[in-house]
Amino acid sequence: MRKRISVLIGEEHREPLVKSPSWLSKLGTLSILYVSVFLTRIGFGSILIIFPIYLNIPASMSSLAGIVTALYPAVEGFSALPVGTFVDLRGRRRAFVAGMAMISILTFLIGLSNNLVLVGSAHALEGLAAAMVTVASLTMITDLTVKENRGAGMGGFDLANLAGYGAGMLLGLAFSHIFASNLGYSFLVISAVMGASAVFVYFALHEPVHSSNEQRSLRGIYETFTGEVIGILPVWFALTIVLGFFLFLPRLVKNAGVTDLAQSAPLILLALIVLGVGAVMFGRLSDKIGRMKTMLIGALGELGFLLVLPDLFQRLIVIQPGTPWIESYNMVGPIIFVGGILFFLGSALIPSILAYIGDKAAKEFRGSAMGLYSLILSGGIAIGTVLAGISDDLGGVQAVFYSAAIIFGGLGLTSAWLLRKQQGMARQTGNLKSSVSKPI
């Protein structure tokens, strides 16, 4: 009997019998995690607004600004897979807390001087800290959810992300006025907020129950991904490149002659609310109708939005501060509603892709799977910011977003072809098995 049980468990993958936490305990841990992510993104959102002004790079050198901005996601990408392995072996909470503490220290260093070498170096190292926070948080969410509610869980993560960015951007706009004479003080305040957040997480967040396998190899990681997951990677990479283009927007606004970014605050806040609400709704929808169908909705919405964005941007940028809402609408026209609907549909992509990766990842390789996600995310953002700077130098706003649409459309079609090919192979395998099982 003992031998039979041993065979069922498997000598090579024996796990301690740990009682699974109750749903109330999981909800409490998820809530603390969402709050922690929210506080972390406040710092990043503030930096996003202040950074273009603080660097003081001439408008004619957009490519250099793009490269400096891209250092952060580039380092995050290079470190993502090692961080994922660390998360699997050493724990999620440890990586999360260490990442938040590093962000606080490095932000403090950035505030000491706007020397390009110092700022660029510290900003790059923040990429490593961001990888630790992102990979650990996504892995914990995967641990605390199941396939039937993982889409909603990832939608909640996206909402916490976006709410934090929104609050941070508003804070950054306020700091750009309060500390106009010395923007370095802004980073010192942000550093204090991040440090307090790290202390809060250290005492409040507990390690979730999860599988662990001491044997780790690159081959073992890659073998856990199916052809369907590989097929989804091109469209995910395309989306991350587009995110890099979007992160270049403050620079485009500044180059258009808008010196007071506060006039953009209501629109930025509205956009983040739309994205956050959409992430939760479409995340839950993916639990009901499936990940693939939800991704298709998001891909069509994203492509449509990129095509209308150049015209929409040119109309929005000429609106002067203090212009009444009705007059502003007359200057923009119905395209604002078309763009808003497409933008809302585009919010379906991130939660459905995150949930899909979580569904397919083996339990003992979840950190590594989310490391792969983060690698593609960071690489795409880094490439996107650099390409956005080059496109802006070559052809302005229209070149920036039409090139983003071409990249997204091309890689999206690549994913569609790979997934269709994978489905065809699966059908052939099923038919072969069916024919073999039939009696002669």
Protein backbone atom coordinates (compact mmCIF):
# COMPACT_ATOMS: atom_id res chain seq x y z
CA MET A 1 0.00 0.00 0.00
CA ARG A 2 2.82 2.35 0.96
CA LYS A 3 4.58 1.59 -2.33
CA ARG A 4 1.45 2.37 -4.30
CA ILE A 5 1.03 5.74 -2.60
CA SER A 6 4.70 6.48 -3.30
CA VAL A 7 4.17 5.82 -6.98
CA LEU A 8 1.09 8.04 -7.10
CA ILE A 9 2.90 10.92 -5.47
CA GLY A 10 6.10 10.51 -7.45
CA GLU A 11 9.50 10.29 -5.81
CA GLU A 12 10.89 13.08 -7.95
CA HIS A 13 8.22 15.60 -7.04
CA ARG A 14 7.10 14.98 -3.47
CA GLU A 15 5.44 17.94 -1.77
CA PRO A 16 4.60 18.43 1.90
CA LEU A 17 0.95 18.08 2.74
CA VAL A 18 0.02 21.70 3.47
CA LYS A 19 -3.55 22.69 4.13
CA SER A 20 -4.77 25.14 1.50
CA PRO A 21 -5.70 28.55 2.92
CA SER A 22 -9.36 29.55 3.02
CA TRP A 23 -10.84 31.84 0.41
CA LEU A 24 -11.09 34.60 3.04
CA SER A 25 -7.36 34.31 3.76
CA LYS A 26 -6.59 34.40 0.03
CA LEU A 27 -8.79 37.49 -0.41
CA GLY A 28 -6.95 39.22 2.42
CA THR A 29 -3.56 38.45 0.88
CA LEU A 30 -4.75 39.57 -2.56
CA SER A 31 -6.06 42.84 -1.08
CA ILE A 32 -2.72 43.56 0.60
CA LEU A 33 -0.94 42.70 -2.64
CA TYR A 34 -3.14 45.05 -4.67
CA VAL A 35 -2.55 47.88 -2.18
CA SER A 36 1.20 47.23 -2.34
CA VAL A 37 1.19 47.31 -6.16
CA PHE A 38 -0.89 50.52 -6.04
CA LEU A 39 1.65 52.22 -3.75
CA THR A 40 4.56 51.07 -5.92
CA ARG A 41 2.98 52.42 -9.11
CA ILE A 42 2.40 55.82 -7.49
CA GLY A 43 6.16 56.26 -7.50
CA PHE A 44 6.53 55.12 -11.12
CA GLY A 45 3.62 57.31 -12.26
CA SER A 46 5.15 60.39 -10.65
CA ILE A 47 8.51 59.71 -12.27
CA LEU A 48 6.84 59.28 -15.68
CA ILE A 49 5.63 62.90 -15.57
CA ILE A 50 8.68 64.48 -13.93
CA PHE A 51 11.37 62.57 -15.82
CA PRO A 52 11.15 64.35 -19.23
CA ILE A 53 11.41 67.76 -17.50
CA TYR A 54 14.09 66.67 -15.02
CA LEU A 55 16.42 65.26 -17.70
CA ASN A 56 16.41 68.58 -19.58
CA ILE A 57 17.29 66.98 -22.94
CA PRO A 58 16.75 69.31 -25.95
CA ALA A 59 13.68 68.71 -28.11
CA SER A 60 15.93 67.97 -31.10
CA MET A 61 17.39 64.93 -29.31
CA SER A 62 14.28 62.78 -28.88
CA SER A 63 16.29 59.65 -29.70
CA LEU A 64 18.57 60.22 -26.68
CA ALA A 65 15.54 60.78 -24.44
CA GLY A 66 14.05 57.52 -25.72
CA ILE A 67 17.27 55.61 -25.03
CA VAL A 68 17.58 56.93 -21.45
CA THR A 69 13.93 56.12 -20.76
CA ALA A 70 14.42 52.65 -22.26
CA LEU A 71 17.28 51.73 -19.87
CA TYR A 72 14.79 50.87 -17.13
CA PRO A 73 12.66 48.38 -19.10
CA ALA A 74 15.76 46.97 -20.81
CA VAL A 75 17.39 45.97 -17.50
CA GLU A 76 14.02 44.72 -16.25
CA GLY A 77 13.87 42.46 -19.30
CA PHE A 78 17.39 41.06 -18.94
CA SER A 79 16.82 40.27 -15.27
CA ALA A 80 13.27 38.88 -15.61
CA LEU A 81 14.09 35.17 -16.08
CA PRO A 82 16.74 35.02 -13.30
CA VAL A 83 14.29 36.84 -11.01
CA GLY A 84 11.57 34.34 -11.97
CA THR A 85 13.84 31.46 -10.98
CA PHE A 86 14.67 33.23 -7.70
CA VAL A 87 10.96 33.67 -7.00
CA ASP A 88 10.35 29.93 -7.58
CA LEU A 89 13.24 28.84 -5.36
CA ARG A 90 13.44 31.47 -2.62
CA GLY A 91 9.91 32.80 -2.32
CA ARG A 92 7.60 35.51 -3.66
CA ARG A 93 7.46 37.80 -0.62
CA ARG A 94 11.24 38.09 -0.28
CA ALA A 95 11.63 39.28 -3.87
CA PHE A 96 8.70 41.68 -3.60
CA VAL A 97 9.95 43.41 -0.44
CA ALA A 98 13.56 43.61 -1.71
CA GLY A 99 12.38 45.16 -4.97
CA MET A 100 10.36 47.86 -3.23
CA ALA A 101 13.28 48.73 -0.93
CA MET A 102 15.63 49.02 -3.93
CA ILE A 103 13.20 51.34 -5.73
CA SER A 104 13.14 53.64 -2.69
CA ILE A 105 16.94 53.84 -2.47
CA LEU A 106 17.49 54.36 -6.21
CA THR A 107 14.79 57.04 -6.45
CA PHE A 108 16.54 58.86 -3.62
CA LEU A 109 19.79 58.80 -5.62
CA ILE A 110 18.05 60.20 -8.70
CA GLY A 111 16.81 63.12 -6.60
CA LEU A 112 20.33 64.14 -5.59
CA SER A 113 21.33 65.33 -9.07
CA ASN A 114 20.04 65.43 -12.66
CA ASN A 115 23.45 64.40 -13.98
CA LEU A 116 22.63 62.24 -17.01
CA VAL A 117 25.06 59.45 -16.06
CA LEU A 118 23.81 59.25 -12.44
CA VAL A 119 20.15 59.41 -13.40
CA GLY A 120 20.56 56.92 -16.26
CA SER A 121 22.45 54.42 -14.08
CA ALA A 122 19.99 54.59 -11.17
CA HIS A 123 17.04 54.46 -13.56
CA ALA A 124 18.52 51.35 -15.19
CA LEU A 125 18.97 49.58 -11.84
CA GLU A 126 15.36 50.39 -11.02
CA GLY A 127 14.57 47.96 -13.83
CA LEU A 128 15.95 45.09 -11.74
CA ALA A 129 13.84 46.21 -8.78
CA ALA A 130 10.76 46.48 -10.99
CA ALA A 131 11.31 42.93 -12.27
CA MET A 132 11.36 41.67 -8.68
CA VAL A 133 8.12 43.49 -7.84
CA THR A 134 6.29 42.58 -11.07
CA VAL A 135 7.28 38.91 -11.30
CA ALA A 136 6.67 38.27 -7.58
CA SER A 137 3.26 39.97 -7.55
CA LEU A 138 1.99 38.20 -10.68
CA THR A 139 3.21 34.85 -9.37
CA MET A 140 1.40 35.41 -6.06
CA ILE A 141 -1.82 36.27 -7.88
CA THR A 142 -1.48 33.06 -9.91
CA ASP A 143 -0.94 31.10 -6.67
CA LEU A 144 -4.02 32.64 -5.04
CA THR A 145 -6.45 32.14 -7.94
CA VAL A 146 -7.80 29.26 -10.03
CA LYS A 147 -8.68 29.05 -13.71
CA GLU A 148 -12.32 30.00 -13.06
CA ASN A 149 -11.43 33.37 -11.47
CA ARG A 150 -7.87 34.08 -12.61
CA GLY A 151 -8.99 36.55 -15.26
CA ALA A 152 -10.74 38.64 -12.62
CA GLY A 153 -7.65 38.37 -10.40
CA MET A 154 -5.39 39.65 -13.17
CA GLY A 155 -7.92 42.38 -13.95
CA GLY A 156 -7.67 43.48 -10.31
CA PHE A 157 -3.88 43.58 -10.64
CA ASP A 158 -4.19 45.72 -13.77
CA LEU A 159 -6.64 48.04 -11.99
CA ALA A 160 -4.24 48.48 -9.04
CA ASN A 161 -1.43 49.16 -11.53
CA LEU A 162 -3.38 51.79 -13.44
CA ALA A 163 -4.87 53.44 -10.35
CA GLY A 164 -1.38 53.77 -8.93
CA TYR A 165 -0.06 55.24 -12.17
CA GLY A 166 -2.99 57.68 -12.27
CA ALA A 167 -2.48 58.84 -8.70
CA GLY A 168 1.26 59.07 -9.35
CA MET A 169 0.79 61.16 -12.49
CA LEU A 170 -1.46 63.59 -10.64
CA LEU A 171 1.13 63.74 -7.87
CA GLY A 172 3.86 64.28 -10.48
CA LEU A 173 1.92 67.17 -12.03
CA ALA A 174 1.53 68.71 -8.57
CA PHE A 175 5.24 68.25 -7.83
CA SER A 176 6.19 69.88 -11.15
CA HIS A 177 4.61 73.08 -9.78
CA ILE A 178 5.42 72.76 -6.08
CA PHE A 179 9.09 71.91 -6.70
CA ALA A 180 9.48 73.84 -9.97
CA SER A 181 12.72 75.45 -8.75
CA ASN A 182 14.27 72.08 -7.84
CA LEU A 183 12.56 68.98 -9.20
CA GLY A 184 15.01 66.79 -7.31
CA TYR A 185 12.91 67.28 -4.20
CA SER A 186 10.09 65.43 -5.97
CA PHE A 187 12.17 62.27 -6.14
CA LEU A 188 13.09 62.57 -2.48
CA VAL A 189 9.40 62.67 -1.51
CA ILE A 190 8.64 59.73 -3.81
CA SER A 191 11.54 57.83 -2.23
CA ALA A 192 10.02 58.35 1.21
CA VAL A 193 6.62 57.07 -0.01
CA MET A 194 8.25 53.99 -1.54
CA GLY A 195 10.26 53.33 1.62
CA ALA A 196 7.12 53.50 3.76
CA SER A 197 5.40 51.13 1.32
CA ALA A 198 8.25 48.62 1.65
CA VAL A 199 7.93 48.68 5.46
CA PHE A 200 4.16 48.18 5.18
CA VAL A 201 4.59 45.20 2.85
CA TYR A 202 7.27 43.63 5.06
CA PHE A 203 4.88 43.41 8.00
CA ALA A 204 1.55 42.92 6.19
CA LEU A 205 2.24 40.53 3.30
CA HIS A 206 2.62 36.79 3.89
CA GLU A 207 4.08 34.16 1.58
CA PRO A 208 1.27 32.24 -0.18
CA VAL A 209 1.25 28.44 -0.29
CA HIS A 210 2.87 27.26 -3.52
CA SER A 211 4.71 24.35 -5.13
CA SER A 212 8.49 24.33 -5.30
CA ASN A 213 10.95 22.17 -7.18
CA GLU A 214 14.64 22.43 -6.30
CA GLN A 215 15.64 21.05 -9.71
CA ARG A 216 15.69 23.91 -12.18
CA SER A 217 16.86 24.08 -15.80
CA LEU A 218 16.12 26.19 -18.86
CA ARG A 219 14.93 23.08 -20.68
CA GLY A 220 12.52 22.34 -17.85
CA ILE A 221 11.14 25.86 -18.09
CA TYR A 222 10.65 25.80 -21.85
CA GLU A 223 9.02 22.36 -21.82
CA THR A 224 6.20 23.72 -19.64
CA PHE A 225 4.98 25.99 -22.46
CA THR A 226 2.68 24.63 -25.14
CA GLY A 227 2.53 25.66 -28.78
CA GLU A 228 -0.50 27.81 -27.96
CA VAL A 229 1.54 29.87 -25.48
CA ILE A 230 4.34 30.31 -28.02
CA GLY A 231 1.72 31.40 -30.54
CA ILE A 232 0.43 34.14 -28.27
CA LEU A 233 3.87 35.67 -27.65
CA PRO A 234 4.08 37.79 -30.87
CA VAL A 235 0.88 39.73 -30.13
CA TRP A 236 1.99 40.17 -26.52
CA PHE A 237 5.36 41.48 -27.73
CA ALA A 238 3.53 43.83 -30.11
CA LEU A 239 1.38 45.17 -27.28
CA THR A 240 4.43 45.85 -25.13
CA ILE A 241 6.07 47.75 -28.01
CA VAL A 242 2.91 49.86 -28.24
CA LEU A 243 3.12 50.50 -24.48
CA GLY A 244 6.63 51.84 -25.09
CA PHE A 245 5.19 54.22 -27.69
CA PHE A 246 2.55 55.37 -25.19
CA LEU A 247 5.21 56.03 -22.55
CA PHE A 248 6.73 58.48 -25.03
CA LEU A 249 3.54 60.57 -25.05
CA PRO A 250 4.72 63.11 -22.40
CA ARG A 251 7.71 63.83 -24.63
CA LEU A 252 5.43 64.32 -27.66
CA VAL A 253 3.24 66.68 -25.65
CA LYS A 254 6.28 68.69 -24.56
CA ASN A 255 7.61 68.83 -28.14
CA ALA A 256 4.22 70.13 -29.29
CA GLY A 257 4.79 73.23 -27.17
CA VAL A 258 2.64 72.34 -24.17
CA THR A 259 4.64 73.52 -21.17
CA ASP A 260 1.91 73.04 -18.59
CA LEU A 261 1.15 69.31 -18.48
CA ALA A 262 -1.60 69.95 -15.90
CA GLN A 263 -4.07 70.63 -18.74
CA SER A 264 -3.69 66.97 -19.76
CA ALA A 265 -4.45 65.66 -16.25
CA PRO A 266 -8.25 65.18 -16.65
CA LEU A 267 -7.83 63.28 -19.93
CA ILE A 268 -5.02 61.09 -18.53
CA LEU A 269 -7.10 60.31 -15.46
CA LEU A 270 -10.14 59.45 -17.59
CA ALA A 271 -8.03 57.17 -19.80
CA LEU A 272 -6.68 55.30 -16.77
CA ILE A 273 -10.19 54.89 -15.33
CA VAL A 274 -11.39 53.46 -18.65
CA LEU A 275 -8.43 51.06 -18.76
CA GLY A 276 -8.88 49.97 -15.14
CA VAL A 277 -12.61 49.34 -15.42
CA GLY A 278 -12.07 47.58 -18.75
CA ALA A 279 -9.35 45.36 -17.27
CA VAL A 280 -11.66 44.10 -14.50
CA MET A 281 -14.64 43.65 -16.83
CA PHE A 282 -12.75 41.90 -19.62
CA GLY A 283 -10.72 39.86 -17.14
CA ARG A 284 -13.97 38.47 -15.77
CA LEU A 285 -15.33 38.07 -19.30
CA SER A 286 -12.30 35.92 -20.17
CA ASP A 287 -13.28 33.63 -17.28
CA LYS A 288 -16.69 33.20 -18.94
CA ILE A 289 -16.14 33.11 -22.72
CA GLY A 290 -12.47 32.10 -22.85
CA ARG A 291 -9.11 33.83 -23.11
CA MET A 292 -8.75 33.68 -26.91
CA LYS A 293 -12.06 35.37 -27.73
CA THR A 294 -11.33 38.13 -25.22
CA MET A 295 -7.86 38.64 -26.72
CA LEU A 296 -9.38 39.02 -30.19
CA ILE A 297 -11.70 41.76 -28.91
CA GLY A 298 -8.74 43.54 -27.37
CA ALA A 299 -6.53 43.22 -30.46
CA LEU A 300 -9.15 44.74 -32.77
CA GLY A 301 -9.78 47.58 -30.34
CA GLU A 302 -6.06 48.33 -29.92
CA LEU A 303 -5.38 48.39 -33.66
CA GLY A 304 -8.34 50.67 -34.30
CA PHE A 305 -7.26 53.08 -31.57
CA LEU A 306 -3.72 53.35 -32.97
CA LEU A 307 -5.15 54.28 -36.38
CA VAL A 308 -7.33 57.13 -35.05
CA LEU A 309 -4.85 58.37 -32.40
CA PRO A 310 -2.69 60.67 -34.64
CA ASP A 311 -5.72 62.69 -35.73
CA LEU A 312 -7.14 62.69 -32.18
CA PHE A 313 -3.80 63.83 -30.71
CA GLN A 314 -3.50 66.75 -33.13
CA ARG A 315 -7.00 67.94 -32.22
CA LEU A 316 -6.54 67.59 -28.48
CA ILE A 317 -3.16 69.33 -28.36
CA VAL A 318 -4.51 72.68 -29.66
CA ILE A 319 -7.12 73.04 -26.92
CA GLN A 320 -6.06 75.87 -24.62
CA PRO A 321 -6.29 75.63 -20.81
CA GLY A 322 -9.59 76.89 -19.46
CA THR A 323 -11.55 76.15 -22.65
CA PRO A 324 -15.18 75.19 -21.78
CA TRP A 325 -16.08 71.51 -22.21
CA ILE A 326 -18.66 72.15 -24.96
CA GLU A 327 -16.25 74.26 -26.97
CA SER A 328 -13.53 71.65 -26.48
CA TYR A 329 -15.85 68.95 -27.84
CA ASN A 330 -16.67 71.09 -30.88
CA MET A 331 -12.94 71.41 -31.57
CA VAL A 332 -12.35 67.65 -31.31
CA GLY A 333 -15.56 66.21 -32.74
CA PRO A 334 -17.13 62.72 -32.51
CA ILE A 335 -13.72 61.08 -33.01
CA ILE A 336 -13.23 61.38 -29.24
CA PHE A 337 -16.04 58.86 -28.69
CA VAL A 338 -14.79 56.51 -31.41
CA GLY A 339 -11.30 56.61 -29.92
CA GLY A 340 -12.69 56.10 -26.41
CA ILE A 341 -14.65 52.98 -27.40
CA LEU A 342 -11.67 51.47 -29.23
CA PHE A 343 -9.41 52.33 -26.28
CA PHE A 344 -11.84 50.59 -23.91
CA LEU A 345 -11.92 47.45 -26.07
CA GLY A 346 -8.12 47.43 -26.14
CA SER A 347 -8.08 47.03 -22.35
CA ALA A 348 -9.18 43.40 -22.85
CA LEU A 349 -5.70 42.31 -23.96
CA ILE A 350 -3.57 42.51 -20.81
CA PRO A 351 -5.76 40.64 -18.26
CA SER A 352 -6.68 37.89 -20.73
CA ILE A 353 -3.04 37.31 -21.74
CA LEU A 354 -1.86 37.32 -18.12
CA ALA A 355 -4.57 34.84 -17.13
CA TYR A 356 -3.72 32.65 -20.15
CA ILE A 357 -0.05 32.47 -19.15
CA GLY A 358 -1.06 31.69 -15.56
CA ASP A 359 -3.38 28.91 -16.78
CA LYS A 360 -0.69 27.21 -18.84
CA ALA A 361 2.26 27.54 -16.44
CA ALA A 362 3.23 24.49 -14.37
CA LYS A 363 2.77 25.16 -10.65
CA GLU A 364 6.45 24.80 -9.79
CA PHE A 365 7.49 27.09 -12.69
CA ARG A 366 5.04 29.95 -12.18
CA GLY A 367 7.73 32.45 -11.26
CA SER A 368 9.73 31.53 -14.36
CA ALA A 369 6.60 31.83 -16.52
CA MET A 370 5.91 35.31 -15.19
CA GLY A 371 9.59 36.06 -15.71
CA LEU A 372 9.12 35.25 -19.39
CA TYR A 373 6.09 37.57 -19.42
CA SER A 374 8.16 40.33 -17.81
CA LEU A 375 11.06 39.72 -20.21
CA ILE A 376 8.81 40.30 -23.22
CA LEU A 377 7.09 43.24 -21.51
CA SER A 378 10.35 44.99 -20.75
CA GLY A 379 11.98 44.22 -24.07
CA GLY A 380 8.94 45.48 -25.94
CA ILE A 381 8.71 48.71 -23.92
CA ALA A 382 12.44 49.36 -24.37
CA ILE A 383 12.21 48.83 -28.15
CA GLY A 384 8.99 50.85 -28.29
CA THR A 385 10.43 53.92 -26.56
CA VAL A 386 13.52 53.90 -28.79
CA LEU A 387 11.43 53.44 -31.97
CA ALA A 388 9.06 56.20 -30.83
CA GLY A 389 11.99 58.60 -30.44
CA ILE A 390 13.37 57.70 -33.86
CA SER A 391 9.92 57.96 -35.49
CA ASP A 392 9.35 61.36 -33.88
CA ASP A 393 12.69 62.64 -35.23
CA LEU A 394 11.85 61.35 -38.71
CA GLY A 395 8.17 62.18 -39.14
CA GLY A 396 6.53 63.56 -36.00
CA VAL A 397 3.38 62.32 -34.26
CA GLN A 398 1.82 60.61 -37.29
CA ALA A 399 4.97 58.59 -37.94
CA VAL A 400 5.06 57.53 -34.27
CA PHE A 401 1.60 56.02 -34.06
CA TYR A 402 1.18 54.75 -37.62
CA SER A 403 4.44 52.83 -37.22
CA ALA A 404 3.06 51.44 -33.93
CA ALA A 405 -0.08 50.32 -35.79
CA ILE A 406 1.99 48.59 -38.49
CA ILE A 407 4.07 46.74 -35.89
CA PHE A 408 1.03 45.70 -33.89
CA GLY A 409 -0.91 44.58 -36.96
CA GLY A 410 2.00 42.56 -38.36
CA LEU A 411 2.82 40.74 -35.12
CA GLY A 412 -0.88 40.24 -34.40
CA LEU A 413 -1.29 38.47 -37.74
CA THR A 414 1.78 36.37 -36.91
CA SER A 415 0.11 35.21 -33.69
CA ALA A 416 -3.11 34.42 -35.57
CA TRP A 417 -1.16 32.30 -38.09
CA LEU A 418 0.77 30.42 -35.35
CA LEU A 419 -2.39 29.71 -33.36
CA ARG A 420 -4.25 28.54 -36.46
CA LYS A 421 -1.32 26.26 -37.31
CA GLN A 422 -1.29 24.89 -33.75
CA GLN A 423 -5.03 24.18 -33.88
CA GLY A 424 -4.58 22.34 -37.18
CA MET A 425 -1.82 20.18 -35.70
CA ALA A 426 -4.00 19.45 -32.66
CA ARG A 427 -6.87 18.33 -34.93
CA GLN A 428 -4.54 16.07 -36.94
CA THR A 429 -3.23 14.51 -33.73
CA GLY A 430 -6.78 13.96 -32.50
CA ASN A 431 -7.84 12.34 -35.78
CA LEU A 432 -4.77 10.09 -35.75
CA LYS A 433 -5.48 8.91 -32.22
CA SER A 434 -9.10 8.31 -33.15
CA SER A 435 -8.18 6.21 -36.19
CA VAL A 436 -5.66 4.14 -34.22
CA SER A 437 -8.21 3.40 -31.50
CA LYS A 438 -10.80 2.07 -34.00
CA PRO A 439 -10.96 -1.75 -34.38
CA ILE A 440 -9.84 -3.17 -37.73
